[in-house]
Protein backbone atom coordinates (compact mmCIF):
# COMPACT_ATOMS: atom_id res chain seq x y z
CA MET A 1 -0.05 -0.01 -0.11
CA MET A 2 1.14 3.59 -0.73
CA GLN A 3 2.07 5.37 2.46
CA GLY A 4 -1.10 6.81 4.08
CA GLN A 5 -3.11 5.85 0.97
CA ARG A 6 -5.76 3.28 0.38
CA PHE A 7 -4.45 2.02 -2.86
CA THR A 8 -1.33 0.34 -4.36
CA GLU A 9 1.28 1.36 -6.78
CA LYS A 10 -0.49 -1.08 -9.23
CA ASP A 11 -3.83 0.84 -8.78
CA TRP A 12 -1.97 4.14 -9.48
CA LYS A 13 -0.39 2.82 -12.73
CA LEU A 14 -3.75 1.26 -13.85
CA PHE A 15 -5.59 4.41 -12.98
CA ARG A 16 -3.16 6.45 -15.23
CA LYS A 17 -3.64 4.01 -18.00
CA LYS A 18 -7.49 3.87 -17.78
CA ALA A 19 -7.96 7.52 -17.11
CA VAL A 20 -7.08 8.46 -20.74
CA ASP A 21 -9.52 5.90 -22.18
CA TRP A 22 -12.29 6.92 -19.82
CA GLN A 23 -11.80 10.65 -20.71
CA GLU A 24 -11.55 10.00 -24.40
CA ALA A 25 -14.84 8.06 -24.28
CA HIS A 26 -16.57 10.79 -22.21
CA MET A 27 -15.25 13.61 -24.69
CA ASP A 28 -16.60 11.50 -27.61
CA LYS A 29 -20.07 11.27 -25.92
CA ILE A 30 -20.16 15.17 -25.10
CA ASN A 31 -18.97 16.02 -28.68
CA LYS A 32 -21.93 13.97 -29.96
CA GLU A 33 -24.08 15.95 -27.63
CA TYR A 34 -22.69 19.27 -29.03
CA ILE A 35 -23.37 18.03 -32.60
CA GLU A 36 -27.00 17.25 -31.42
CA LEU A 37 -27.30 20.73 -29.90
CA LEU A 38 -26.00 22.39 -33.05
CA SER A 39 -28.40 20.50 -35.21
CA ARG A 40 -31.40 21.71 -33.30
CA ASP A 41 -33.94 24.01 -35.18
CA MET A 42 -33.35 27.17 -33.19
CA ASN A 43 -31.81 30.60 -33.47
CA PRO A 44 -28.01 30.30 -34.41
CA ALA A 45 -27.21 32.74 -31.64
CA ASP A 46 -28.98 30.78 -29.03
CA LYS A 47 -27.27 27.66 -30.21
CA PHE A 48 -23.94 29.39 -30.00
CA TRP A 49 -24.43 30.80 -26.44
CA GLU A 50 -25.90 27.41 -25.24
CA LEU A 51 -22.92 25.44 -26.66
CA GLU A 52 -20.49 27.98 -25.13
CA LYS A 53 -22.26 27.42 -21.75
CA ARG A 54 -21.95 23.63 -22.05
CA VAL A 55 -18.37 23.64 -23.09
CA ARG A 56 -17.39 25.98 -20.20
CA LYS A 57 -19.31 23.61 -17.73
CA ASP A 58 -17.97 20.29 -19.29
CA LYS A 59 -14.26 21.42 -19.40
CA LYS A 60 -14.18 21.73 -15.59
CA GLY A 61 -15.42 18.18 -15.10
CA ALA A 62 -13.20 15.12 -14.38
CA GLY A 63 -14.39 13.65 -17.65
CA VAL A 64 -12.35 16.21 -19.34
CA GLN A 65 -9.75 17.30 -16.85
CA LEU A 66 -8.08 15.41 -14.06
CA ASP A 67 -5.56 16.47 -11.49
CA MET A 68 -3.20 13.56 -11.91
CA ARG A 69 -1.54 13.60 -8.41
CA ARG A 70 -1.50 10.35 -6.44
CA SER A 71 -2.86 12.24 -3.42
CA VAL A 72 -6.20 12.82 -5.29
CA LEU A 73 -6.66 9.38 -6.82
CA ILE A 74 -9.57 8.35 -4.76
CA ASP A 75 -11.14 11.85 -5.33
CA ASN A 76 -10.66 11.54 -9.05
CA LEU A 77 -12.41 8.17 -9.04
CA VAL A 78 -15.29 9.37 -6.98
CA SER A 79 -15.70 12.51 -9.26
CA LEU A 80 -15.70 10.22 -12.35
CA ILE A 81 -18.25 8.02 -10.94
CA ASP A 82 -20.45 11.02 -9.68
CA GLU A 83 -20.38 12.66 -13.03
CA GLY A 84 -21.47 9.35 -14.85
CA VAL A 85 -18.17 9.12 -16.72
CA ILE A 86 -17.51 5.69 -15.28
CA HIS A 87 -19.39 3.18 -13.14
CA PHE A 88 -18.12 1.32 -10.06
CA ALA A 89 -17.96 -1.84 -12.32
CA ASP A 90 -15.21 -0.02 -14.26
CA LEU A 91 -12.91 -0.38 -11.20
CA GLU A 92 -12.44 -4.06 -12.14
CA GLY A 93 -8.68 -4.88 -11.83
CA PHE A 94 -8.15 -2.37 -8.99
CA SER A 95 -7.22 -3.58 -5.44
CA ASP A 96 -10.14 -4.48 -3.09
CA GLU A 97 -8.70 -1.73 -0.66
CA LEU A 98 -9.20 0.87 -3.31
CA LYS A 99 -12.72 -0.31 -4.44
CA GLU A 100 -13.73 -0.43 -0.76
CA THR A 101 -12.43 3.00 -0.06
CA VAL A 102 -14.19 4.44 -3.11
CA LYS A 103 -17.42 2.67 -2.14
CA ILE A 104 -17.28 4.30 1.40
CA PHE A 105 -16.64 7.81 -0.08
CA ILE A 106 -19.60 7.30 -2.54
CA GLU A 107 -21.86 6.10 0.21
CA ARG A 108 -20.83 9.08 2.63
CA ARG A 109 -21.06 11.93 0.14
CA ILE A 110 -23.34 14.71 0.98
CA PHE A 111 -25.55 16.28 -1.71
């Protein structure tokens, strides 16, 4: 286990590998949503401003941008799950300690 952390070195390496794929898949999904938005039958200016608002919001999410420090690995996974970028089942291959920690964080989160 990493010092003071609830994950292993293997978990960290697996996260770094998977995060890229998860983000690419998420960005593909939101790009399709942007295309759908731009294809709507509405005023061009309204489409532009709605798109700009969405991009501004989306680029702040974990599905687009992650802080790749070990110290926020668990927070990143919780955020990815909260935002619907991944599901708990996507943690297959990670250590039981990491999965249990993520599960506890998800169960204890306050809305």
